Amino acid sequence: MKKIIITLSLVLFSMVAYSQDAKDLYIKGVDLFEQQRYQDAIKVFSKAVEMNPKFKEAYFKRGVCFSLLEDFKNAAKDFTKVVLLDPSDAKAFYNRGLAYKSLGLLNKALVDFGKAIELNKDFAMAYYNRGLVKIALDDIENACPDLSRASDLGVRKAARLWRYYCFEFAN
């Protein structure tokens, strides 16, 4: 019995230490991110997710780093990992939508912006970017409500685009 308790204690201790190391790496990665050392931050976040494959925050931050370095394919992969770990993360859907948009995968971007809006009805930039994608897909009439909502939520450039593209639909 004593042997079982000692074994369980060692297993629990190693799990806590293992998890804490991943958190320490994440904190180090955030520090590098804040210094705009994105390549270095990616390496550290990669170690963190290697240690803890369910560390969604590390995947998210690494995805942001990839996006800032214009590596949208890897950014989309990381944001996909986040949405698989947490399907209610509106920001992950939004950021994956931005990556897809940058890759020219407009229909995928449209779906992700829609999901972000579904999860957060006041996500101004998701409305704005969904409107932009609809314009790029030549679906001006359906872009107008998104641009209007984004404008109502405070996105000034959405108001300018609405006046340019949608004024005729409103009158």
C-alpha atoms as a PDB file:
ATOM      1  CA  MET A   1       0.000   0.000   0.000  1.00  0.00           C
ATOM      2  CA  LYS A   2       2.834   2.363   0.889  1.00  0.00           C
ATOM      3  CA  LYS A   3       4.461   1.599  -2.466  1.00  0.00           C
ATOM      4  CA  ILE A   4       1.247   2.521  -4.332  1.00  0.00           C
ATOM      5  CA  ILE A   5       0.953   5.834  -2.464  1.00  0.00           C
ATOM      6  CA  ILE A   6       4.574   6.700  -3.203  1.00  0.00           C
ATOM      7  CA  THR A   7       4.118   5.790  -6.881  1.00  0.00           C
ATOM      8  CA  LEU A   8       0.946   7.888  -7.134  1.00  0.00           C
ATOM      9  CA  SER A   9       2.680  10.789  -5.419  1.00  0.00           C
ATOM     10  CA  LEU A  10       5.562  10.629  -7.871  1.00  0.00           C
ATOM     11  CA  VAL A  11       3.176  10.481 -10.841  1.00  0.00           C
ATOM     12  CA  LEU A  12       1.169  13.459  -9.557  1.00  0.00           C
ATOM     13  CA  PHE A  13       4.321  15.435  -8.789  1.00  0.00           C
ATOM     14  CA  SER A  14       5.725  14.778 -12.265  1.00  0.00           C
ATOM     15  CA  MET A  15       2.423  15.822 -13.867  1.00  0.00           C
ATOM     16  CA  VAL A  16       2.411  19.101 -11.916  1.00  0.00           C
ATOM     17  CA  ALA A  17       6.077  19.757 -12.735  1.00  0.00           C
ATOM     18  CA  TYR A  18       5.461  18.881 -16.390  1.00  0.00           C
ATOM     19  CA  SER A  19       2.502  21.225 -16.581  1.00  0.00           C
ATOM     20  CA  GLN A  20       4.325  24.017 -14.747  1.00  0.00           C
ATOM     21  CA  ASP A  21       7.247  23.821 -17.182  1.00  0.00           C
ATOM     22  CA  ALA A  22       4.869  24.354 -20.097  1.00  0.00           C
ATOM     23  CA  LYS A  23       3.375  27.383 -18.321  1.00  0.00           C
ATOM     24  CA  ASP A  24       6.844  28.775 -17.664  1.00  0.00           C
ATOM     25  CA  LEU A  25       7.685  28.367 -21.338  1.00  0.00           C
ATOM     26  CA  TYR A  26       4.435  30.092 -22.274  1.00  0.00           C
ATOM     27  CA  ILE A  27       5.307  33.062 -20.071  1.00  0.00           C
ATOM     28  CA  LYS A  28       8.761  33.214 -21.662  1.00  0.00           C
ATOM     29  CA  GLY A  29       7.116  33.075 -25.103  1.00  0.00           C
ATOM     30  CA  VAL A  30       4.788  35.944 -24.217  1.00  0.00           C
ATOM     31  CA  ASP A  31       7.793  38.005 -23.097  1.00  0.00           C
ATOM     32  CA  LEU A  32       9.491  37.328 -26.449  1.00  0.00           C
ATOM     33  CA  PHE A  33       6.251  38.150 -28.252  1.00  0.00           C
ATOM     34  CA  GLU A  34       6.027  41.490 -26.458  1.00  0.00           C
ATOM     35  CA  GLN A  35       9.601  42.218 -27.563  1.00  0.00           C
ATOM     36  CA  GLN A  36       8.481  41.473 -31.150  1.00  0.00           C
ATOM     37  CA  ARG A  37      10.889  38.532 -31.308  1.00  0.00           C
ATOM     38  CA  TYR A  38       8.314  36.391 -33.071  1.00  0.00           C
ATOM     39  CA  GLN A  39      10.638  33.663 -34.407  1.00  0.00           C
ATOM     40  CA  ASP A  40      12.057  33.107 -30.931  1.00  0.00           C
ATOM     41  CA  ALA A  41       8.578  33.150 -29.415  1.00  0.00           C
ATOM     42  CA  ILE A  42       7.423  30.512 -31.923  1.00  0.00           C
ATOM     43  CA  LYS A  43      10.248  28.211 -30.814  1.00  0.00           C
ATOM     44  CA  VAL A  44       9.314  28.624 -27.152  1.00  0.00           C
ATOM     45  CA  PHE A  45       5.569  28.180 -27.757  1.00  0.00           C
ATOM     46  CA  SER A  46       6.399  25.069 -29.791  1.00  0.00           C
ATOM     47  CA  LYS A  47       8.223  23.602 -26.807  1.00  0.00           C
ATOM     48  CA  ALA A  48       5.259  24.455 -24.569  1.00  0.00           C
ATOM     49  CA  VAL A  49       2.746  22.629 -26.791  1.00  0.00           C
ATOM     50  CA  GLU A  50       5.142  19.740 -27.153  1.00  0.00           C
ATOM     51  CA  MET A  51       5.096  19.424 -23.371  1.00  0.00           C
ATOM     52  CA  ASN A  52       1.357  20.017 -23.110  1.00  0.00           C
ATOM     53  CA  PRO A  53      -0.488  19.270 -26.386  1.00  0.00           C
ATOM     54  CA  LYS A  54      -3.723  20.744 -24.959  1.00  0.00           C
ATOM     55  CA  PHE A  55      -2.232  24.154 -24.161  1.00  0.00           C
ATOM     56  CA  LYS A  56      -4.606  26.220 -26.281  1.00  0.00           C
ATOM     57  CA  GLU A  57      -3.179  29.596 -25.221  1.00  0.00           C
ATOM     58  CA  ALA A  58       0.265  28.596 -26.509  1.00  0.00           C
ATOM     59  CA  TYR A  59      -1.202  27.473 -29.852  1.00  0.00           C
ATOM     60  CA  PHE A  60      -3.125  30.748 -30.070  1.00  0.00           C
ATOM     61  CA  LYS A  61      -0.111  32.954 -29.378  1.00  0.00           C
ATOM     62  CA  ARG A  62       2.047  30.915 -31.757  1.00  0.00           C
ATOM     63  CA  GLY A  63      -0.660  31.378 -34.388  1.00  0.00           C
ATOM     64  CA  VAL A  64      -0.551  35.134 -33.838  1.00  0.00           C
ATOM     65  CA  CYS A  65       3.241  35.046 -34.248  1.00  0.00           C
ATOM     66  CA  PHE A  66       2.899  33.123 -37.499  1.00  0.00           C
ATOM     67  CA  SER A  67       0.321  35.661 -38.704  1.00  0.00           C
ATOM     68  CA  LEU A  68       2.582  38.594 -37.882  1.00  0.00           C
ATOM     69  CA  LEU A  69       5.347  36.877 -39.872  1.00  0.00           C
ATOM     70  CA  GLU A  70       2.842  36.357 -42.720  1.00  0.00           C
ATOM     71  CA  ASP A  71       3.065  32.561 -42.434  1.00  0.00           C
ATOM     72  CA  PHE A  72      -0.682  32.198 -42.766  1.00  0.00           C
ATOM     73  CA  LYS A  73      -0.652  28.476 -43.477  1.00  0.00           C
ATOM     74  CA  ASN A  74       0.941  27.688 -40.105  1.00  0.00           C
ATOM     75  CA  ALA A  75      -1.200  30.328 -38.424  1.00  0.00           C
ATOM     76  CA  ALA A  76      -4.346  28.609 -39.737  1.00  0.00           C
ATOM     77  CA  LYS A  77      -3.060  25.256 -38.433  1.00  0.00           C
ATOM     78  CA  ASP A  78      -2.550  26.662 -34.948  1.00  0.00           C
ATOM     79  CA  PHE A  79      -5.931  28.392 -34.849  1.00  0.00           C
ATOM     80  CA  THR A  80      -7.495  25.130 -36.042  1.00  0.00           C
ATOM     81  CA  LYS A  81      -5.882  23.395 -33.085  1.00  0.00           C
ATOM     82  CA  VAL A  82      -7.369  26.027 -30.770  1.00  0.00           C
ATOM     83  CA  VAL A  83     -10.909  25.618 -32.151  1.00  0.00           C
ATOM     84  CA  LEU A  84     -10.588  21.851 -31.806  1.00  0.00           C
ATOM     85  CA  LEU A  85      -9.567  22.275 -28.167  1.00  0.00           C
ATOM     86  CA  ASP A  86     -12.183  24.965 -27.504  1.00  0.00           C
ATOM     87  CA  PRO A  87     -15.009  25.238 -30.064  1.00  0.00           C
ATOM     88  CA  SER A  88     -16.379  28.289 -28.229  1.00  0.00           C
ATOM     89  CA  ASP A  89     -13.294  30.467 -28.827  1.00  0.00           C
ATOM     90  CA  ALA A  90     -14.585  33.263 -31.067  1.00  0.00           C
ATOM     91  CA  LYS A  91     -11.154  34.884 -31.363  1.00  0.00           C
ATOM     92  CA  ALA A  92      -9.631  31.664 -32.674  1.00  0.00           C
ATOM     93  CA  PHE A  93     -12.301  31.393 -35.389  1.00  0.00           C
ATOM     94  CA  TYR A  94     -11.783  35.066 -36.222  1.00  0.00           C
ATOM     95  CA  ASN A  95      -8.006  34.756 -36.460  1.00  0.00           C
ATOM     96  CA  ARG A  96      -8.235  31.588 -38.532  1.00  0.00           C
ATOM     97  CA  GLY A  97     -10.640  33.505 -40.767  1.00  0.00           C
ATOM     98  CA  LEU A  98      -8.019  36.231 -41.199  1.00  0.00           C
ATOM     99  CA  ALA A  99      -5.405  33.601 -42.076  1.00  0.00           C
ATOM    100  CA  TYR A 100      -7.740  31.977 -44.610  1.00  0.00           C
ATOM    101  CA  LYS A 101      -8.550  35.399 -46.070  1.00  0.00           C
ATOM    102  CA  SER A 102      -4.836  36.116 -46.489  1.00  0.00           C
ATOM    103  CA  LEU A 103      -4.387  32.725 -48.180  1.00  0.00           C
ATOM    104  CA  GLY A 104      -7.213  33.549 -50.598  1.00  0.00           C
ATOM    105  CA  LEU A 105      -9.484  30.878 -49.094  1.00  0.00           C
ATOM    106  CA  LEU A 106     -12.410  33.269 -49.005  1.00  0.00           C
ATOM    107  CA  ASN A 107     -15.223  30.757 -48.498  1.00  0.00           C
ATOM    108  CA  LYS A 108     -13.418  29.250 -45.498  1.00  0.00           C
ATOM    109  CA  ALA A 109     -12.805  32.752 -44.151  1.00  0.00           C
ATOM    110  CA  LEU A 110     -16.504  33.554 -44.570  1.00  0.00           C
ATOM    111  CA  VAL A 111     -17.471  30.491 -42.523  1.00  0.00           C
ATOM    112  CA  ASP A 112     -15.024  31.338 -39.740  1.00  0.00           C
ATOM    113  CA  PHE A 113     -16.072  34.974 -39.490  1.00  0.00           C
ATOM    114  CA  GLY A 114     -19.678  33.746 -39.324  1.00  0.00           C
ATOM    115  CA  LYS A 115     -18.804  31.344 -36.513  1.00  0.00           C
ATOM    116  CA  ALA A 116     -16.993  34.110 -34.615  1.00  0.00           C
ATOM    117  CA  ILE A 117     -20.109  36.282 -34.919  1.00  0.00           C
ATOM    118  CA  GLU A 118     -22.326  33.393 -33.831  1.00  0.00           C
ATOM    119  CA  LEU A 119     -20.201  33.057 -30.689  1.00  0.00           C
ATOM    120  CA  ASN A 120     -19.954  36.812 -30.070  1.00  0.00           C
ATOM    121  CA  LYS A 121     -22.777  38.908 -31.522  1.00  0.00           C
ATOM    122  CA  ASP A 122     -20.835  42.134 -30.888  1.00  0.00           C
ATOM    123  CA  PHE A 123     -17.587  41.118 -32.609  1.00  0.00           C
ATOM    124  CA  ALA A 124     -17.188  44.265 -34.687  1.00  0.00           C
ATOM    125  CA  MET A 125     -14.100  43.238 -36.653  1.00  0.00           C
ATOM    126  CA  ALA A 126     -15.637  39.867 -37.537  1.00  0.00           C
ATOM    127  CA  TYR A 127     -18.599  41.682 -39.116  1.00  0.00           C
ATOM    128  CA  TYR A 128     -16.228  44.034 -40.911  1.00  0.00           C
ATOM    129  CA  ASN A 129     -14.030  41.272 -42.303  1.00  0.00           C
ATOM    130  CA  ARG A 130     -17.018  39.136 -43.275  1.00  0.00           C
ATOM    131  CA  GLY A 131     -18.303  42.168 -45.170  1.00  0.00           C
ATOM    132  CA  LEU A 132     -14.932  42.560 -46.912  1.00  0.00           C
ATOM    133  CA  VAL A 133     -14.943  38.906 -47.926  1.00  0.00           C
ATOM    134  CA  LYS A 134     -18.475  39.226 -49.298  1.00  0.00           C
ATOM    135  CA  ILE A 135     -17.350  42.249 -51.337  1.00  0.00           C
ATOM    136  CA  ALA A 136     -14.384  40.235 -52.659  1.00  0.00           C
ATOM    137  CA  LEU A 137     -16.831  37.483 -53.619  1.00  0.00           C
ATOM    138  CA  ASP A 138     -18.932  40.130 -55.411  1.00  0.00           C
ATOM    139  CA  ASP A 139     -21.815  39.693 -52.963  1.00  0.00           C
ATOM    140  CA  ILE A 140     -22.224  43.390 -52.291  1.00  0.00           C
ATOM    141  CA  GLU A 141     -25.873  43.254 -51.233  1.00  0.00           C
ATOM    142  CA  ASN A 142     -25.126  40.734 -48.459  1.00  0.00           C
ATOM    143  CA  ALA A 143     -21.979  42.608 -47.413  1.00  0.00           C
ATOM    144  CA  CYS A 144     -24.006  45.712 -46.565  1.00  0.00           C
ATOM    145  CA  PRO A 145     -25.651  44.428 -43.348  1.00  0.00           C
ATOM    146  CA  ASP A 146     -22.240  43.301 -42.060  1.00  0.00           C
ATOM    147  CA  LEU A 147     -20.655  46.653 -42.836  1.00  0.00           C
ATOM    148  CA  SER A 148     -23.586  48.438 -41.218  1.00  0.00           C
ATOM    149  CA  ARG A 149     -23.331  46.322 -38.052  1.00  0.00           C
ATOM    150  CA  ALA A 150     -19.555  46.819 -37.899  1.00  0.00           C
ATOM    151  CA  SER A 151     -20.108  50.555 -38.267  1.00  0.00           C
ATOM    152  CA  ASP A 152     -22.722  50.517 -35.483  1.00  0.00           C
ATOM    153  CA  LEU A 153     -20.154  48.734 -33.300  1.00  0.00           C
ATOM    154  CA  GLY A 154     -17.595  51.482 -33.925  1.00  0.00           C
ATOM    155  CA  VAL A 155     -15.539  50.417 -36.962  1.00  0.00           C
ATOM    156  CA  ARG A 156     -15.166  53.731 -38.816  1.00  0.00           C
ATOM    157  CA  LYS A 157     -13.771  52.254 -42.009  1.00  0.00           C
ATOM    158  CA  ALA A 158     -16.892  50.053 -42.207  1.00  0.00           C
ATOM    159  CA  ALA A 159     -19.022  53.195 -42.361  1.00  0.00           C
ATOM    160  CA  ARG A 160     -16.939  54.549 -45.251  1.00  0.00           C
ATOM    161  CA  LEU A 161     -17.230  51.258 -47.135  1.00  0.00           C
ATOM    162  CA  TRP A 162     -20.964  51.125 -46.454  1.00  0.00           C
ATOM    163  CA  ARG A 163     -21.392  54.605 -47.955  1.00  0.00           C
ATOM    164  CA  TYR A 164     -19.356  53.592 -51.012  1.00  0.00           C
ATOM    165  CA  TYR A 165     -20.923  50.166 -51.677  1.00  0.00           C
ATOM    166  CA  CYS A 166     -24.308  50.158 -49.995  1.00  0.00           C
ATOM    167  CA  PHE A 167     -25.834  53.610 -50.238  1.00  0.00           C
ATOM    168  CA  GLU A 168     -27.737  52.635 -53.383  1.00  0.00           C
ATOM    169  CA  PHE A 169     -29.197  49.544 -51.656  1.00  0.00           C
ATOM    170  CA  ALA A 170     -30.444  51.657 -48.741  1.00  0.00           C
ATOM    171  CA  ASN A 171     -32.300  54.148 -50.959  1.00  0.00           C
END
